[in-house]
N, C-alpha and C. Protein backbone atom coordinates (compact mmCIF):
# COMPACT_ATOMS: atom_id res chain seq x y z
N UNK A 1 181.59 0.17 87.92
CA UNK A 1 179.89 0.77 86.97
C UNK A 1 178.91 -0.50 87.42
N UNK A 2 177.94 0.07 87.50
CA UNK A 2 176.96 -1.02 88.15
C UNK A 2 175.59 -1.04 85.80
N UNK A 3 176.05 -2.42 86.61
CA UNK A 3 175.37 -2.56 85.58
C UNK A 3 173.75 -3.35 85.36
N UNK A 4 172.84 -2.25 84.38
CA UNK A 4 171.05 -2.33 84.57
C UNK A 4 170.97 -3.36 83.47
N UNK A 5 170.50 -4.70 83.61
CA UNK A 5 169.59 -4.80 82.87
C UNK A 5 167.92 -5.27 82.83
N UNK A 6 167.97 -4.29 81.92
CA UNK A 6 166.35 -4.42 81.52
C UNK A 6 165.83 -5.94 80.58
N UNK A 7 164.23 -6.32 80.56
CA UNK A 7 164.18 -7.48 80.28
C UNK A 7 163.94 -7.61 78.67
N UNK A 8 164.21 -6.89 78.14
CA UNK A 8 164.83 -6.28 76.48
C UNK A 8 166.58 -6.41 76.58
N UNK A 9 166.94 -6.46 76.87
CA UNK A 9 168.36 -7.43 76.67
C UNK A 9 168.70 -7.60 76.92
N UNK A 10 169.44 -8.34 76.71
CA UNK A 10 169.71 -9.98 77.11
C UNK A 10 171.22 -8.91 78.08
N UNK A 11 171.91 -10.40 78.90
CA UNK A 11 172.43 -10.19 80.25
C UNK A 11 174.35 -10.07 79.73
N UNK A 12 174.27 -10.69 78.72
CA UNK A 12 175.86 -10.55 78.12
C UNK A 12 176.18 -9.43 77.36
N UNK A 13 175.51 -8.80 76.51
CA UNK A 13 175.81 -7.76 75.71
C UNK A 13 175.24 -6.41 76.68
N UNK A 14 176.54 -6.20 76.37
CA UNK A 14 175.99 -3.95 77.15
C UNK A 14 175.21 -3.12 75.93
N UNK A 15 175.02 -2.44 75.99
CA UNK A 15 174.31 -1.26 75.65
C UNK A 15 175.25 -0.71 74.35
N UNK A 16 174.19 -0.89 72.91
CA UNK A 16 175.51 0.11 72.59
C UNK A 16 175.91 1.56 72.91
N UNK A 17 175.41 1.95 73.88
CA UNK A 17 176.02 3.84 74.09
C UNK A 17 176.45 3.31 75.41
N UNK A 18 177.02 2.36 75.81
CA UNK A 18 178.04 1.49 77.08
C UNK A 18 179.03 1.04 76.31
N UNK A 19 178.86 -0.16 75.27
CA UNK A 19 179.79 0.10 74.45
C UNK A 19 181.32 0.76 74.01
N UNK A 20 180.17 2.24 73.24
CA UNK A 20 181.01 2.78 72.24
C UNK A 20 181.78 4.06 73.16
N UNK A 21 181.07 3.82 75.01
CA UNK A 21 181.78 4.90 75.78
C UNK A 21 183.35 3.96 76.13
N UNK A 22 182.44 2.96 76.14
CA UNK A 22 184.39 2.03 77.02
C UNK A 22 184.95 1.59 75.86
N UNK A 23 184.93 1.51 74.83
CA UNK A 23 186.46 2.10 73.65
C UNK A 23 186.58 3.33 73.37
N UNK A 24 187.51 3.52 72.68
CA UNK A 24 188.04 4.57 71.97
C UNK A 24 189.25 4.22 71.04
N UNK A 25 189.09 4.22 69.91
CA UNK A 25 189.56 4.39 69.07
C UNK A 25 190.69 5.35 68.27
N UNK A 26 191.53 5.90 68.00
CA UNK A 26 192.66 6.59 67.41
C UNK A 26 192.33 7.04 66.75
N UNK A 27 192.37 7.90 65.90
CA UNK A 27 191.79 8.44 64.47
C UNK A 27 193.08 8.42 64.06
N UNK A 28 193.68 8.38 62.83
CA UNK A 28 194.82 8.28 62.05
C UNK A 28 195.47 10.33 62.75
N UNK A 29 194.26 11.04 62.34
CA UNK A 29 194.82 12.60 63.09
C UNK A 29 195.30 11.99 63.99
N UNK A 30 194.47 11.35 65.06
CA UNK A 30 195.58 11.25 66.62
C UNK A 30 197.55 10.68 66.19
N UNK A 31 197.10 9.30 65.64
CA UNK A 31 198.09 8.75 65.41
C UNK A 31 199.33 9.29 64.60
N UNK A 32 199.48 10.62 64.18
CA UNK A 32 200.00 11.52 63.82
C UNK A 32 200.68 12.16 64.28
N UNK A 33 199.42 12.93 65.08
CA UNK A 33 199.50 13.63 66.49
C UNK A 33 200.57 13.50 66.91
N UNK A 34 200.41 12.56 67.30
CA UNK A 34 201.16 11.73 68.48
C UNK A 34 202.85 11.43 67.94
N UNK A 35 202.56 11.06 66.23
CA UNK A 35 204.05 10.78 65.86
C UNK A 35 204.97 12.14 65.50
N UNK A 36 204.02 12.96 65.97
CA UNK A 36 205.05 13.88 65.50
C UNK A 36 205.63 15.36 67.00
N UNK A 37 204.70 14.69 67.85
CA UNK A 37 204.80 14.60 69.53
C UNK A 37 206.40 14.24 69.70
N UNK A 38 205.82 13.06 69.72
CA UNK A 38 206.66 12.38 70.18
C UNK A 38 208.85 12.26 69.26
N UNK A 39 208.31 12.46 68.02
CA UNK A 39 209.84 13.57 67.49
C UNK A 39 210.15 14.61 67.63
N UNK A 40 209.57 15.88 67.82
CA UNK A 40 209.82 16.86 68.27
C UNK A 40 210.29 17.03 69.98
N UNK A 41 209.83 16.04 70.83
CA UNK A 41 209.86 15.80 72.11
C UNK A 41 211.80 14.70 72.51
N UNK A 42 211.67 14.29 71.01
CA UNK A 42 213.03 13.44 70.90
C UNK A 42 214.12 15.03 70.43
N UNK A 43 213.66 15.72 69.32
CA UNK A 43 214.47 16.85 68.92
C UNK A 43 214.72 17.31 70.07
N UNK A 44 214.33 18.01 71.33
CA UNK A 44 213.92 19.16 72.41
C UNK A 44 215.40 18.41 73.06
N UNK A 45 215.83 16.78 73.17
CA UNK A 45 217.02 16.45 74.24
C UNK A 45 218.20 17.38 73.88
N UNK A 46 218.12 17.33 71.62
CA UNK A 46 219.38 17.00 72.04
C UNK A 46 219.57 18.38 71.16
N UNK A 47 220.42 19.06 72.52
CA UNK A 47 221.10 20.24 71.79
C UNK A 47 221.25 21.19 70.54
N UNK A 48 220.46 21.83 70.38
CA UNK A 48 220.73 22.38 68.34
C UNK A 48 220.28 21.60 67.48
N UNK A 49 219.04 20.97 67.65
CA UNK A 49 218.38 19.66 66.70
C UNK A 49 218.52 20.17 65.31
N UNK A 50 217.50 21.44 65.64
CA UNK A 50 216.95 21.96 64.79
C UNK A 50 218.11 22.57 63.80
N UNK A 51 219.15 22.37 64.01
CA UNK A 51 220.05 22.83 63.60
C UNK A 51 220.60 21.59 62.05
N UNK A 52 220.52 20.78 63.16
CA UNK A 52 220.82 19.40 62.44
C UNK A 52 220.18 18.57 61.16
N UNK A 53 220.74 17.97 60.67
CA UNK A 53 220.17 16.80 59.44
C UNK A 53 219.84 14.94 60.55
N UNK A 54 219.06 14.66 60.07
CA UNK A 54 218.75 13.59 60.70
C UNK A 54 219.77 12.23 60.77
N UNK A 55 220.42 12.52 60.24
CA UNK A 55 221.17 12.01 60.45
C UNK A 55 222.68 11.54 61.12
N UNK A 56 222.76 13.27 61.28
CA UNK A 56 223.87 13.82 62.51
C UNK A 56 223.10 13.62 63.79
N UNK A 57 221.60 13.85 63.78
CA UNK A 57 220.89 13.12 64.97
C UNK A 57 221.74 12.02 65.60
N UNK A 58 221.58 11.37 64.24
CA UNK A 58 221.00 9.66 64.97
C UNK A 58 222.88 9.09 65.19
N UNK A 59 223.61 10.24 64.02
CA UNK A 59 224.94 9.90 64.32
C UNK A 59 224.79 9.68 65.99
N UNK A 60 224.83 11.31 66.58
CA UNK A 60 224.84 12.00 67.90
C UNK A 60 224.63 10.54 69.28
N UNK A 61 222.74 10.36 68.98
CA UNK A 61 222.84 9.55 69.59
C UNK A 61 223.20 8.07 69.54
N UNK A 62 224.05 7.36 68.61
CA UNK A 62 224.75 6.31 68.12
C UNK A 62 226.33 6.62 69.21
N UNK A 63 226.40 7.50 69.19
CA UNK A 63 227.61 8.00 69.58
C UNK A 63 227.69 7.96 71.78
N UNK A 64 226.75 8.65 71.63
CA UNK A 64 226.51 8.13 72.97
C UNK A 64 225.83 7.14 73.85
N UNK A 65 225.28 6.55 73.07
CA UNK A 65 224.60 5.13 73.24
C UNK A 65 225.88 3.95 73.08
N UNK A 66 226.69 4.76 72.78
CA UNK A 66 228.09 3.61 72.68
C UNK A 66 229.21 4.15 73.87
N UNK A 67 228.71 5.39 74.71
CA UNK A 67 229.53 6.48 75.84
C UNK A 67 229.85 5.35 76.96
N UNK A 68 230.83 4.66 76.99
CA UNK A 68 230.87 3.97 78.47
C UNK A 68 230.84 4.61 79.93
N UNK A 69 230.77 5.61 80.30
CA UNK A 69 230.99 6.32 81.46
C UNK A 69 230.00 7.34 81.46
N UNK A 70 229.53 7.49 82.35
CA UNK A 70 229.43 9.35 82.00
C UNK A 70 229.45 10.05 82.00
N UNK A 71 231.46 10.48 82.44
CA UNK A 71 232.26 11.40 81.69
C UNK A 71 232.08 11.53 80.64
N UNK A 72 231.79 10.03 80.31
CA UNK A 72 232.43 10.12 78.62
C UNK A 72 231.46 10.67 77.74
N UNK A 73 230.00 10.57 77.91
CA UNK A 73 228.53 11.08 77.76
C UNK A 73 228.63 12.80 77.90
N UNK A 74 229.52 13.14 79.09
CA UNK A 74 229.37 14.47 79.07
C UNK A 74 230.33 15.29 78.27
N UNK A 75 231.41 14.62 77.86
CA UNK A 75 232.61 15.43 76.82
C UNK A 75 231.84 15.50 75.39
N UNK A 76 231.40 14.50 75.27
CA UNK A 76 230.57 14.11 74.11
C UNK A 76 229.01 15.49 73.75
N UNK A 77 228.59 15.50 74.89
CA UNK A 77 227.36 16.76 75.46
C UNK A 77 227.66 18.22 74.87
N UNK A 78 229.38 18.26 75.56
CA UNK A 78 229.96 19.44 76.03
C UNK A 78 230.57 19.52 73.84
N UNK A 79 231.71 18.48 73.62
CA UNK A 79 231.90 18.52 72.45
C UNK A 79 231.02 19.23 71.29
N UNK A 80 229.38 18.44 71.69
CA UNK A 80 228.74 18.54 70.54
C UNK A 80 227.56 19.97 70.27
N UNK A 81 227.65 20.86 71.95
CA UNK A 81 227.36 22.07 72.56
C UNK A 81 227.88 22.83 71.69
N UNK A 82 229.04 22.71 72.25
CA UNK A 82 229.80 23.98 70.88
C UNK A 82 229.98 24.14 69.54
N UNK A 83 230.74 22.44 69.57
CA UNK A 83 229.42 22.92 67.40
C UNK A 83 228.35 23.41 66.64
N UNK A 84 226.94 22.99 68.33
CA UNK A 84 225.83 23.50 67.11
C UNK A 84 225.91 25.47 67.91
N UNK A 85 226.74 25.33 68.51
CA UNK A 85 226.66 27.82 69.23
C UNK A 85 227.41 27.82 68.00
N UNK A 86 228.71 27.37 67.52
CA UNK A 86 229.47 27.43 66.27
C UNK A 86 229.17 27.49 64.91
N UNK A 87 227.73 26.65 65.13
CA UNK A 87 227.26 26.49 63.72
C UNK A 87 226.09 27.65 63.86
N UNK A 88 225.47 28.22 65.07
CA UNK A 88 224.40 28.54 64.99
C UNK A 88 225.06 30.51 64.41
């Protein structure tokens, strides 16, 4: 980016328009939208999450986190999948 210094403007401070263009602050609406999007993405990764309570999702995540092997995680996923199919 090329900086042009005029006689009326000190060399150390950018013009107001340059300053505004350089910094963008998230509005409260943006933060809320980002949180909602993150929550939705997390729920989409858990099969049947729309049928689960927050506590059930937390327990499922904890079981997956504590699983020692990929085979154990796969068994937990399969059991969970069957339970969600039954619930639906």
